[in-house]
Protein backbone atom coordinates (compact mmCIF):
# COMPACT_ATOMS: atom_id res chain seq x y z
CA MET A 1 34.49 -13.59 2.60
CA LYS A 2 38.06 -12.48 3.25
CA PHE A 3 40.31 -14.45 5.62
CA THR A 4 40.43 -11.61 8.17
CA ALA A 5 36.65 -11.44 8.33
CA VAL A 6 36.39 -15.21 8.79
CA PHE A 7 39.06 -15.11 11.50
CA ALA A 8 37.26 -12.30 13.32
CA LEU A 9 34.00 -14.20 13.15
CA LEU A 10 35.63 -17.32 14.58
CA LEU A 11 37.22 -15.32 17.40
CA ALA A 12 33.89 -13.73 18.29
CA ALA A 13 32.13 -17.10 18.21
CA ALA A 14 34.79 -18.65 20.42
CA ALA A 15 34.57 -15.77 22.89
CA ALA A 16 30.81 -15.97 22.96
CA SER A 17 30.99 -19.66 23.81
CA ARG A 18 33.19 -19.15 26.87
CA PRO A 19 31.32 -19.98 30.10
CA GLY A 20 30.14 -16.85 31.84
CA PHE A 21 31.09 -14.54 28.95
CA ALA A 22 27.62 -12.98 28.79
CA GLN A 23 26.57 -13.61 32.39
CA ASP A 24 27.88 -10.20 33.44
CA LEU A 25 25.30 -8.65 31.11
CA ARG A 26 22.05 -8.25 33.01
CA THR A 27 18.72 -6.61 32.35
CA ARG A 28 17.56 -3.82 34.66
CA ALA A 29 15.06 -6.25 36.17
CA GLU A 30 17.84 -8.71 37.00
CA ALA A 31 20.19 -5.98 38.28
CA THR A 32 17.53 -4.58 40.66
CA ASN A 33 16.35 -7.93 42.02
CA TYR A 34 13.19 -7.55 39.92
CA GLU A 35 12.14 -4.31 41.58
CA GLU A 36 12.40 -2.21 38.41
CA THR A 37 11.84 -2.54 34.69
CA SER A 38 14.05 -1.31 31.85
CA ARG A 39 13.86 2.19 30.45
CA TYR A 40 14.39 2.74 26.73
CA THR A 41 18.07 3.59 27.28
CA ASP A 42 18.51 0.38 29.30
CA VAL A 43 17.11 -1.69 26.43
CA ILE A 44 19.32 -0.05 23.82
CA ALA A 45 22.40 -0.38 26.05
CA PHE A 46 21.65 -4.08 26.65
CA ILE A 47 21.31 -4.72 22.92
CA GLU A 48 24.55 -2.87 22.13
CA GLN A 49 26.45 -4.75 24.83
CA LEU A 50 25.04 -8.09 23.69
CA GLN A 51 26.23 -7.32 20.16
CA GLN A 52 29.74 -6.93 21.53
CA ARG A 53 29.53 -10.46 22.95
CA THR A 54 28.15 -12.35 19.95
CA PRO A 55 28.31 -12.32 16.14
CA TYR A 56 24.80 -13.80 15.95
CA LEU A 57 22.89 -10.58 16.67
CA ARG A 58 22.30 -7.75 14.26
CA VAL A 59 19.93 -4.82 14.69
CA GLU A 60 17.57 -3.05 12.34
CA TRP A 61 15.75 0.18 13.24
CA PHE A 62 12.35 -0.69 11.81
CA GLY A 63 10.65 2.64 12.47
CA LYS A 64 10.14 5.51 14.87
CA THR A 65 7.64 6.18 17.61
CA GLU A 66 5.36 9.21 17.61
CA GLU A 67 7.95 10.99 19.79
CA GLY A 68 10.78 10.04 17.44
CA ARG A 69 12.43 7.15 19.27
CA ASP A 70 14.06 4.53 17.04
CA LEU A 71 12.46 1.10 17.32
CA PRO A 72 14.98 -1.76 17.49
CA LEU A 73 14.44 -5.09 15.76
CA MET A 74 16.89 -7.73 17.00
CA ILE A 75 17.85 -10.23 14.28
CA LEU A 76 19.17 -13.52 15.69
CA ALA A 77 20.60 -15.96 13.14
CA ASP A 78 23.39 -18.48 12.62
CA PRO A 79 25.03 -17.83 10.23
CA PRO A 80 24.40 -14.12 10.82
CA LEU A 81 22.15 -12.25 8.41
CA SER A 82 20.67 -8.81 8.15
CA THR A 83 18.01 -8.71 5.42
CA PRO A 84 14.67 -10.41 4.77
CA ALA A 85 16.02 -11.80 1.48
CA GLU A 86 18.87 -13.50 3.33
CA ALA A 87 16.44 -14.89 5.90
CA HIS A 88 14.08 -16.31 3.28
CA ALA A 89 17.01 -17.84 1.37
CA THR A 90 17.82 -20.01 4.41
CA GLY A 91 14.47 -21.77 4.17
CA LYS A 92 14.12 -21.45 7.95
CA PRO A 93 10.86 -20.13 9.42
CA VAL A 94 11.10 -16.56 10.69
CA PHE A 95 9.93 -16.45 14.33
CA PHE A 96 8.94 -12.94 15.48
CA VAL A 97 8.34 -11.91 19.09
CA MET A 98 7.09 -8.46 20.04
CA ALA A 99 6.86 -7.12 23.59
CA ASN A 100 5.66 -4.00 25.37
CA ILE A 101 2.82 -3.08 23.01
CA HIS A 102 1.09 -2.13 26.27
CA ALA A 103 3.94 -0.50 28.17
CA GLY A 104 2.49 -1.20 31.60
CA GLU A 105 2.82 -4.91 30.82
CA VAL A 106 6.57 -5.17 31.06
CA GLU A 107 7.67 -8.77 31.67
CA GLY A 108 7.76 -9.57 27.95
CA LYS A 109 10.37 -6.86 27.42
CA GLU A 110 12.60 -8.27 30.19
CA ALA A 111 12.01 -11.90 29.19
CA MET A 112 13.00 -11.32 25.59
CA LEU A 113 16.22 -9.49 26.40
CA ALA A 114 17.27 -12.36 28.65
CA LEU A 115 16.14 -14.94 26.11
CA ALA A 116 18.12 -13.22 23.35
CA ARG A 117 21.18 -13.55 25.57
CA ARG A 118 20.57 -17.30 25.97
CA ILE A 119 19.93 -17.81 22.25
CA THR A 120 23.01 -15.98 21.05
CA THR A 121 25.50 -16.94 23.78
CA GLY A 122 24.03 -19.77 25.81
CA ASP A 123 22.02 -22.95 26.04
CA LEU A 124 19.37 -22.03 23.45
CA HIS A 125 21.75 -21.37 20.58
CA ARG A 126 20.57 -24.63 18.96
CA LEU A 127 17.30 -22.87 18.05
CA LEU A 128 19.20 -20.98 15.36
CA ASP A 129 19.85 -24.26 13.54
CA ASN A 130 16.23 -24.19 12.39
CA LEU A 131 14.93 -20.67 12.98
CA VAL A 132 15.62 -17.05 12.18
CA ILE A 133 14.44 -15.11 15.23
CA LEU A 134 13.28 -11.49 15.30
CA ILE A 135 12.61 -9.62 18.55
CA ALA A 136 11.01 -6.18 18.97
CA PRO A 137 11.54 -5.84 22.74
CA ILE A 138 10.14 -2.35 23.31
CA TYR A 139 7.45 -1.72 20.71
CA ASN A 140 5.56 1.00 22.62
CA ALA A 141 8.73 2.84 23.58
CA ASP A 142 6.99 6.16 24.27
CA GLY A 143 4.53 4.56 26.66
CA ASN A 144 7.42 2.78 28.37
CA GLU A 145 9.07 6.09 29.25
CA LYS A 146 6.02 7.22 31.23
CA ILE A 147 6.96 4.90 34.11
CA ASP A 148 5.18 5.93 37.30
CA LEU A 149 4.28 4.32 40.64
CA LYS A 150 0.64 5.26 39.97
CA ASN A 151 0.34 3.03 36.87
CA ARG A 152 -1.26 -0.43 37.24
CA THR A 153 -0.98 -0.28 41.02
CA ALA A 154 -2.87 -3.55 41.62
CA GLN A 155 -0.31 -5.48 39.56
CA ASN A 156 2.19 -7.53 41.58
CA GLY A 157 5.32 -5.52 40.76
CA PRO A 158 7.68 -4.32 39.65
CA ILE A 159 7.48 -2.09 42.69
CA GLY A 160 9.43 0.66 40.89
CA GLY A 161 6.52 1.33 38.55
CA VAL A 162 5.62 0.67 34.93
CA GLY A 163 4.65 2.61 31.82
CA VAL A 164 1.23 3.24 30.30
CA ARG A 165 -1.03 1.28 27.96
CA THR A 166 -1.27 3.74 25.07
CA ASN A 167 1.24 5.40 22.80
CA SER A 168 1.85 9.15 22.94
CA LYS A 169 -1.18 9.81 20.67
CA GLY A 170 -3.42 8.00 23.13
CA LEU A 171 -3.84 5.02 20.80
CA ASP A 172 -4.11 1.47 22.08
CA LEU A 173 -1.71 -0.06 19.57
CA ASN A 174 -3.36 -3.46 20.00
CA ARG A 175 -6.56 -2.01 18.53
CA ASP A 176 -4.80 -0.19 15.69
CA TYR A 177 -3.78 -3.00 13.32
CA ILE A 178 -6.49 -2.35 10.72
CA LYS A 179 -6.68 1.47 10.67
CA ALA A 180 -2.90 1.81 11.27
CA GLU A 181 -2.93 5.36 12.61
CA GLY A 182 0.07 5.05 14.93
CA SER A 183 3.63 5.52 13.67
CA GLU A 184 4.47 2.33 15.52
CA THR A 185 1.71 0.37 13.75
CA ARG A 186 2.81 1.55 10.34
CA ALA A 187 6.37 0.51 11.14
CA LEU A 188 5.19 -2.90 12.34
CA LEU A 189 3.25 -3.50 9.12
CA GLY A 190 6.55 -2.94 7.34
CA VAL A 191 8.08 -5.78 9.36
CA PHE A 192 5.21 -8.09 8.37
CA ASN A 193 5.47 -7.12 4.71
CA THR A 194 9.25 -7.50 4.41
CA TRP A 195 10.27 -10.22 6.88
CA ASP A 196 6.98 -12.18 6.53
CA PRO A 197 7.26 -14.03 9.86
CA ALA A 198 5.85 -17.55 9.89
CA ILE A 199 4.77 -16.99 13.49
CA THR A 200 4.33 -13.93 15.67
CA MET A 201 4.11 -13.93 19.47
CA ASP A 202 2.67 -10.87 21.22
CA LEU A 203 3.52 -10.62 24.94
CA HIS A 204 1.08 -9.12 27.47
CA THR A 205 -0.12 -9.13 31.10
CA THR A 206 -3.68 -9.82 32.21
CA ASP A 207 -6.27 -7.41 33.57
CA GLY A 208 -9.23 -8.98 35.29
CA SER A 209 -10.30 -12.36 36.63
CA TYR A 210 -8.65 -14.08 39.58
CA HIS A 211 -7.93 -17.35 37.82
CA GLY A 212 -5.44 -20.06 38.79
CA TYR A 213 -3.03 -20.00 35.82
CA HIS A 214 0.43 -18.50 35.60
CA LEU A 215 -0.24 -17.54 31.99
CA THR A 216 -3.13 -17.64 29.57
CA TYR A 217 -2.79 -17.68 25.80
CA SER A 218 -4.77 -17.43 22.61
CA SER A 219 -4.38 -17.78 18.87
CA THR A 220 -6.36 -16.39 15.94
CA LEU A 221 -10.07 -16.32 16.74
CA THR A 222 -11.65 -14.81 13.64
CA PRO A 223 -13.48 -17.49 11.62
CA ASN A 224 -12.49 -15.63 8.44
CA ALA A 225 -8.95 -16.97 8.85
CA ASP A 226 -8.12 -20.23 7.06
CA PRO A 227 -9.63 -23.15 9.06
CA ARG A 228 -6.42 -25.18 8.68
CA LEU A 229 -4.51 -22.40 10.41
CA LEU A 230 -7.04 -22.25 13.24
CA ALA A 231 -7.00 -26.02 13.72
CA TYR A 232 -3.21 -26.34 13.63
CA GLN A 233 -2.81 -23.75 16.39
CA ARG A 234 -5.70 -24.83 18.61
CA ASP A 235 -5.58 -28.60 18.21
CA LYS A 236 -1.89 -29.31 17.66
CA MET A 237 0.57 -26.57 18.57
CA LEU A 238 -0.78 -25.02 21.74
CA PRO A 239 -1.71 -28.28 23.53
CA ALA A 240 1.83 -29.59 22.92
CA ILE A 241 3.46 -26.33 23.98
CA SER A 242 1.29 -26.03 27.10
CA LYS A 243 2.22 -29.58 28.10
CA ALA A 244 5.93 -28.82 27.62
CA VAL A 245 5.72 -25.64 29.72
CA LEU A 246 4.08 -27.57 32.55
CA SER A 247 6.42 -30.58 32.47
CA ARG A 248 9.71 -28.72 31.94
CA HIS A 249 9.06 -25.39 33.67
CA HIS A 250 6.19 -26.19 36.07
CA TYR A 251 3.91 -23.35 35.00
CA ARG A 252 0.16 -23.80 34.47
CA MET A 253 -1.31 -22.34 31.29
CA TYR A 254 -4.74 -22.25 29.66
CA TRP A 255 -6.66 -20.36 26.99
CA TYR A 256 -7.04 -16.64 27.63
CA GLY A 257 -10.41 -15.41 28.82
CA ASN A 258 -12.39 -13.88 31.65
CA PHE A 259 -15.18 -15.07 33.90
CA SER A 260 -18.67 -13.97 32.95
CA GLY A 261 -21.43 -14.08 35.56
CA ARG A 262 -21.31 -13.81 39.35
CA ALA A 263 -20.39 -16.42 41.94
CA PRO A 264 -23.50 -18.32 43.10
CA GLN A 265 -25.14 -17.78 46.47
CA PRO A 266 -25.83 -20.87 48.65
CA GLY A 267 -28.37 -23.07 46.92
CA GLU A 268 -28.00 -21.35 43.56
CA LYS A 269 -26.73 -22.98 40.39
CA ASP A 270 -23.28 -21.82 39.24
CA THR A 271 -23.87 -20.02 35.92
CA ARG A 272 -20.38 -18.62 35.45
CA VAL A 273 -18.64 -19.19 32.12
CA TRP A 274 -15.16 -18.58 30.74
CA ARG A 275 -15.30 -16.24 27.77
CA ALA A 276 -12.63 -15.59 25.11
CA PHE A 277 -11.75 -12.21 23.61
CA ASP A 278 -12.00 -11.11 20.62
CA HIS A 279 -12.60 -11.84 16.92
CA HIS A 280 -11.76 -8.44 15.35
CA PRO A 281 -8.52 -8.15 13.33
CA ARG A 282 -7.90 -4.72 14.84
CA VAL A 283 -6.34 -6.93 17.55
CA GLY A 284 -2.92 -8.39 16.74
CA GLN A 285 -3.60 -12.10 17.22
CA ASN A 286 -6.44 -11.95 14.69
CA TYR A 287 -4.72 -9.61 12.29
CA VAL A 288 -1.72 -11.92 11.88
CA GLY A 289 -4.12 -14.81 11.31
CA ILE A 290 -5.85 -13.10 8.38
CA ARG A 291 -2.38 -12.70 6.84
CA ASN A 292 -2.26 -16.55 6.75
CA ARG A 293 0.36 -16.75 9.48
CA LEU A 294 0.60 -18.40 12.89
CA THR A 295 0.25 -16.24 15.97
CA PHE A 296 0.06 -16.56 19.75
CA LEU A 297 -1.12 -14.07 22.34
CA SER A 298 0.64 -14.42 25.71
CA GLU A 299 -1.00 -13.04 28.87
CA ALA A 300 1.12 -13.51 32.01
CA TYR A 301 -1.00 -13.40 35.17
CA SER A 302 -0.68 -9.90 36.61
CA TYR A 303 -0.94 -11.12 40.22
CA LEU A 304 1.99 -13.50 39.87
CA ASP A 305 5.16 -11.76 41.07
CA PHE A 306 7.26 -9.91 38.49
CA LYS A 307 10.07 -12.48 38.44
CA GLY A 308 7.53 -15.26 37.97
CA ARG A 309 5.81 -13.41 35.13
CA ILE A 310 9.15 -13.04 33.37
CA GLY A 311 9.81 -16.73 33.96
CA VAL A 312 6.52 -18.03 32.60
CA THR A 313 6.61 -15.68 29.61
CA SER A 314 10.13 -16.83 28.79
CA ALA A 315 9.08 -20.48 29.16
CA PHE A 316 6.12 -20.02 26.80
CA VAL A 317 8.26 -18.36 24.15
CA GLU A 318 11.06 -20.92 24.55
CA GLU A 319 8.75 -23.91 24.14
CA SER A 320 6.97 -22.26 21.21
CA MET A 321 10.35 -21.80 19.54
CA ASN A 322 11.22 -25.41 20.33
CA TYR A 323 8.01 -26.55 18.68
CA VAL A 324 8.45 -24.52 15.50
CA ALA A 325 12.12 -25.49 15.27
CA ALA A 326 11.20 -29.18 15.56
CA HIS A 327 8.38 -28.85 12.99
CA ALA A 328 9.96 -26.26 10.69
CA ALA A 329 9.28 -28.13 7.45
CA GLU A 330 5.69 -28.90 8.47
CA VAL A 331 5.00 -25.27 9.41
CA SER A 332 6.51 -23.91 6.21
CA LYS A 333 4.57 -26.39 4.07
CA LEU A 334 1.27 -25.51 5.78
CA LEU A 335 1.68 -21.77 5.30
CA ARG A 336 2.86 -22.13 1.72
CA GLN A 337 -0.17 -24.31 0.91
CA ILE A 338 -2.60 -21.86 2.51
CA ASP A 339 -1.11 -18.97 0.50
CA GLN A 340 -1.35 -20.94 -2.72
CA ASP A 341 -4.94 -22.01 -2.04
CA THR A 342 -5.93 -18.41 -1.21
CA VAL A 343 -4.71 -17.28 -4.62
CA LYS A 344 -6.44 -20.20 -6.37
CA ARG A 345 -9.77 -19.33 -4.72
CA GLY A 346 -9.53 -15.79 -6.02
CA LEU A 347 -9.08 -17.13 -9.54
CA SER A 348 -12.01 -19.52 -9.32
CA ALA A 349 -15.65 -18.99 -10.23
CA ASP A 350 -16.53 -19.21 -6.50
CA PRO A 351 -13.94 -17.44 -4.30
CA GLY A 352 -15.88 -18.40 -1.16
CA LYS A 353 -17.73 -16.65 1.65
CA PHE A 354 -16.80 -13.91 4.11
CA ALA A 355 -18.40 -13.69 7.57
CA VAL A 356 -19.85 -10.30 8.53
CA ASP A 357 -21.77 -11.27 11.69
CA PHE A 358 -20.34 -13.37 14.50
CA GLU A 359 -21.29 -15.25 17.63
CA ASN A 360 -19.23 -16.39 20.61
CA ARG A 361 -19.94 -20.09 21.25
CA PRO A 362 -18.75 -22.64 23.81
CA LEU A 363 -16.53 -25.64 23.24
CA PRO A 364 -18.43 -28.92 22.71
CA LYS A 365 -18.05 -29.95 26.36
CA PRO A 366 -17.64 -28.09 29.67
CA VAL A 367 -14.12 -27.92 31.10
CA ASP A 368 -12.51 -27.43 34.50
CA ILE A 369 -11.36 -23.82 34.93
CA LEU A 370 -9.07 -23.01 37.87
CA MET A 371 -10.53 -20.38 40.18
CA GLY A 372 -7.68 -18.43 41.75
CA THR A 373 -7.05 -17.05 45.21
CA VAL A 374 -5.36 -13.71 45.90
CA ASP A 375 -4.12 -11.65 48.81
CA LYS A 376 -3.05 -8.04 49.31
CA GLN A 377 0.46 -6.75 49.89
CA LYS A 378 1.80 -3.21 50.24
CA ASN A 379 4.10 -1.84 47.58
CA PRO A 380 6.96 -0.52 49.75
CA ARG A 381 7.65 2.36 47.36
CA SER A 382 4.12 3.61 46.70
CA GLY A 383 2.36 2.43 49.85
CA ARG A 384 -0.52 1.12 47.73
CA ASP A 385 -1.96 -2.37 47.81
CA MET A 386 -0.80 -4.86 45.21
CA THR A 387 -2.83 -8.00 44.45
CA VAL A 388 -0.80 -11.15 45.02
CA MET A 389 -1.42 -14.64 43.64
CA VAL A 390 -1.84 -17.37 46.26
CA GLU A 391 -1.11 -20.95 45.18
CA LYS A 392 -4.54 -22.19 46.20
CA ASN A 393 -6.80 -23.00 43.27
CA THR A 394 -10.18 -24.66 42.88
CA PRO A 395 -11.26 -26.32 39.61
CA VAL A 396 -14.82 -25.43 38.63
CA ARG A 397 -16.52 -27.10 35.68
CA MET A 398 -18.10 -24.60 33.30
CA GLN A 399 -18.66 -23.76 29.68
CA ASP A 400 -15.66 -22.31 27.87
CA TYR A 401 -16.87 -19.82 25.25
CA GLY A 402 -13.60 -20.09 23.39
CA LEU A 403 -14.86 -20.05 19.80
CA PHE A 404 -16.20 -17.44 17.42
CA VAL A 405 -18.28 -18.52 14.46
CA GLY A 406 -19.74 -16.67 11.51
CA THR A 407 -23.54 -16.37 11.54
CA ARG A 408 -24.02 -14.40 8.32
CA PHE A 409 -21.90 -14.47 5.20
CA VAL A 410 -21.50 -12.54 1.97
CA PRO A 411 -19.93 -13.89 -1.23
CA VAL A 412 -16.30 -13.01 -1.97
CA PRO A 413 -15.80 -11.49 -5.45
CA ARG A 414 -12.97 -11.93 -7.90
CA ALA A 415 -12.15 -8.25 -7.32
CA TYR A 416 -13.27 -5.05 -5.63
CA LEU A 417 -13.61 -1.84 -7.66
CA LEU A 418 -13.76 1.81 -6.61
CA LYS A 419 -14.24 4.59 -9.16
CA ALA A 420 -11.36 7.00 -9.67
CA ASP A 421 -11.59 9.81 -7.12
CA ASP A 422 -8.77 11.81 -5.53
CA ARG A 423 -10.54 11.57 -2.17
CA LEU A 424 -9.82 7.83 -2.16
CA GLN A 425 -6.06 8.22 -2.00
CA PRO A 426 -6.04 7.49 1.79
CA VAL A 427 -7.80 4.21 0.99
CA VAL A 428 -5.09 3.29 -1.52
CA ASN A 429 -2.39 4.26 0.98
CA LEU A 430 -3.89 2.11 3.73
CA LEU A 431 -4.25 -0.92 1.47
CA LEU A 432 -0.61 -0.56 0.44
CA LEU A 433 0.52 -0.22 4.05
CA HIS A 434 -1.01 -3.62 4.71
CA GLY A 435 0.85 -5.12 1.77
CA VAL A 436 -2.29 -5.64 -0.32
CA THR A 437 -1.68 -5.54 -4.06
CA VAL A 438 -3.58 -2.58 -5.53
CA GLU A 439 -4.01 -1.79 -9.23
CA ARG A 440 -5.45 1.09 -11.24
CA LEU A 441 -7.35 0.57 -14.45
CA ALA A 442 -5.25 1.37 -17.52
CA GLU A 443 -8.35 1.34 -19.72
CA PRO A 444 -12.02 2.10 -19.03
CA LEU A 445 -14.00 -0.92 -17.84
CA LYS A 446 -17.72 -1.52 -18.28
CA ALA A 447 -18.74 -4.51 -16.21
CA GLY A 448 -21.60 -6.16 -14.40
CA VAL A 449 -21.02 -5.74 -10.67
CA ASP A 450 -22.79 -6.10 -7.34
CA SER A 451 -23.40 -2.79 -5.61
CA PHE A 452 -24.44 -2.36 -1.98
CA VAL A 453 -27.28 0.16 -1.69
CA ILE A 454 -27.32 1.69 1.78
CA THR A 455 -30.59 1.61 3.71
CA GLU A 456 -29.26 2.44 7.17
CA ILE A 457 -26.12 4.09 8.59
CA THR A 458 -25.36 3.63 12.28
CA ARG A 459 -22.61 5.50 14.09
CA ALA A 460 -21.46 4.32 17.51
CA PRO A 461 -22.65 6.74 20.24
CA ARG A 462 -19.31 6.62 22.03
CA PRO A 463 -15.94 7.25 20.36
CA PHE A 464 -13.43 4.41 20.26
CA GLN A 465 -9.79 5.13 19.41
CA GLY A 466 -10.98 8.58 18.37
CA HIS A 467 -13.57 7.24 15.91
CA ALA A 468 -17.33 6.89 15.75
CA GLU A 469 -17.46 3.39 14.27
CA VAL A 470 -19.85 3.03 11.35
CA THR A 471 -22.08 0.08 10.50
CA LEU A 472 -24.08 -0.19 7.28
CA LYS A 473 -27.24 -2.05 6.41
CA GLY A 474 -28.49 -2.35 2.88
CA ARG A 475 -29.35 -4.51 -0.07
CA THR A 476 -27.25 -5.89 -2.88
CA GLN A 477 -28.24 -5.21 -6.46
CA LYS A 478 -26.69 -6.18 -9.77
CA GLU A 479 -25.97 -3.42 -12.24
CA THR A 480 -23.67 -2.48 -15.08
CA VAL A 481 -21.20 0.24 -14.12
CA GLU A 482 -18.57 2.13 -16.12
CA PHE A 483 -15.24 2.55 -14.31
CA PRO A 484 -12.92 5.19 -15.78
CA VAL A 485 -9.16 4.96 -16.19
CA GLY A 486 -7.49 5.25 -12.79
CA SER A 487 -10.21 3.41 -10.90
CA ILE A 488 -8.98 1.22 -8.04
CA LEU A 489 -8.91 -2.54 -8.56
CA VAL A 490 -8.12 -5.05 -5.79
CA ARG A 491 -8.15 -8.69 -6.82
CA THR A 492 -8.78 -11.50 -4.36
CA ALA A 493 -6.29 -13.76 -6.15
CA GLN A 494 -3.49 -12.75 -3.76
CA PRO A 495 -2.17 -14.18 -0.48
CA LEU A 496 -3.49 -11.21 1.53
CA ALA A 497 -7.01 -11.58 0.13
CA THR A 498 -8.58 -11.86 3.59
CA VAL A 499 -6.93 -8.59 4.67
CA ALA A 500 -8.37 -6.96 1.55
CA GLU A 501 -11.81 -8.43 2.25
CA TYR A 502 -11.84 -7.08 5.81
CA LEU A 503 -10.91 -3.63 4.58
CA LEU A 504 -13.19 -3.48 1.55
CA GLU A 505 -16.38 -5.40 2.31
CA PRO A 506 -19.13 -2.78 2.88
CA GLU A 507 -20.55 -4.84 5.77
CA SER A 508 -17.21 -5.71 7.35
CA ASP A 509 -17.14 -4.95 11.08
CA ASP A 510 -13.49 -3.86 10.94
CA GLY A 511 -12.82 -2.11 7.63
CA LEU A 512 -12.76 1.14 5.72
CA VAL A 513 -16.41 1.81 6.51
CA THR A 514 -15.94 1.06 10.22
CA TRP A 515 -13.07 3.51 10.64
CA ASN A 516 -14.68 6.46 8.79
CA LEU A 517 -12.46 6.40 5.70
CA LEU A 518 -15.53 6.42 3.45
CA ASP A 519 -17.80 8.78 5.40
CA ALA A 520 -17.84 11.35 2.59
CA PHE A 521 -19.31 8.75 0.23
CA LEU A 522 -22.02 7.25 2.46
CA ASP A 523 -25.65 8.24 2.08
CA LYS A 524 -28.96 6.44 2.47
CA GLY A 525 -30.42 5.22 -0.80
CA LYS A 526 -27.07 5.42 -2.58
CA PRO A 527 -24.56 2.66 -3.29
CA CYS A 528 -21.47 2.25 -1.16
CA PRO A 529 -18.50 3.27 -3.36
CA ILE A 530 -17.04 -0.26 -3.20
CA TYR A 531 -18.30 -2.53 -5.99
CA LYS A 532 -17.82 -6.29 -6.27
CA LEU A 533 -16.78 -7.89 -9.55
CA PHE A 534 -17.71 -11.57 -9.95
CA GLU A 535 -17.31 -12.03 -13.69
CA ASP A 536 -13.95 -12.92 -15.25
CA ALA A 537 -13.53 -9.53 -16.88
CA LYS A 538 -9.72 -9.55 -17.19
CA PRO A 539 -9.41 -5.78 -16.80
CA ALA A 540 -6.29 -4.01 -18.07
CA ALA A 541 -4.59 -2.50 -15.03
CA THR A 542 -1.21 -1.53 -13.60
CA ILE A 543 0.10 -2.19 -10.10
CA VAL A 544 0.28 0.81 -7.77
CA GLY A 545 3.61 1.38 -6.06
CA GLN A 546 4.09 2.22 -2.41
CA PRO A 547 3.15 5.78 -1.43
CA ALA A 548 5.89 8.25 -0.64
CA LYS A 549 6.59 8.49 3.10
């Protein structure tokens, strides 16, 4: 680096360290006394102004929305960096936070802008000693721009209105991770594939039960994720982080869920339970988990006031960053080991089992769940009632159905095979979008495989995300099949094997079959076009490159 560049960097760092240098930079929420939330232009202006105050922030446009808005990815690092290769060379875990996937749930957006200011110019700069931090503050930017006083009216502010849940195609982006139909989703998968965050936090607001917590959280719930990952998050990380948020910030947190069952009448037994949501990887917290990475869902309580929701969300993210920064070597070692073991299983004679049916089960013992109290208050701008949290809570002991377990399993093969067919190009494209390694046979292959002969095809009676979800029943039979040159080969000896399994298993409840990508090939009495190779055939194949955009 030339002397002038070094000198400029030192000057910028010195300026950024001056007391009050960045305090004049405020979010729209802060500038309006928490009556309004930021528009897209406010977010971009804040980022640009923060860049002028610190050398430790760089910005990447990681994609576009359906309406063509550029999506900003804030890159916080000391020393500054701008590429995934530079980030991985530091050896520091990459910590990724995304906000505003549901654009009516806006405190994450405001919290992360303010937190970025603290990290780059204030008291949290020390986090950059051990972390590279990525922030996507306004992921559903199109939904954000549909701010209206009629959206989420029961929510306790901001009184100036919020955006909408879906993107401009009407997609719930937090149900789109597997099928990846939204422009935003496809851009986000690019972030996962290139930056490979060690941990992802996804920031939301609740809809539903009147509980007594300022924030509820979750981690990966699908039992197909590595059990060491599940245990590290549930048994080690989140209890420590929750304790830190309570002791240092005075916010109550618990596992995300909703009450099931009605309140008892006098003389009746209380049969209410607390029930978690959900095990499908179409939802972000589970999708990141099947990529062998840590992930937290954050759900600020919608009846807590807007300023409080920003505060508790910020506290949760801050203490999560503190934890990962303090345990950086441990986290990196765990994830590296899980990746290595995933590849080894795919190379072994027994690559393991994959759950295709699931059951929601309670924790071993009942727990005390805080029942919340609320009141009503008029929104002075809309005249409508908002629901307001009252700090009066009653603990009620009940079962917490916080776990999902597999109840039926199928064996994982060494590889999946699909015969060459031009109609399968969308399948190849989707696999590549997820970062799964896909190959095509360079020579014909004759091999003994398991085929899944379809006996029943069920299509959901109601559309979901524009699809009639498909479920197959059938029987497995062994047969010898000839696969021509160009046939698709997906090995399970790769770190993203579980992603591949979810997409390719004929009985998966969240895969290619589910989302209608194979409808043209499905017929009763015929085999599903996905075959499973268990023998060590060592097929000659070449890796498929990324599709042209």
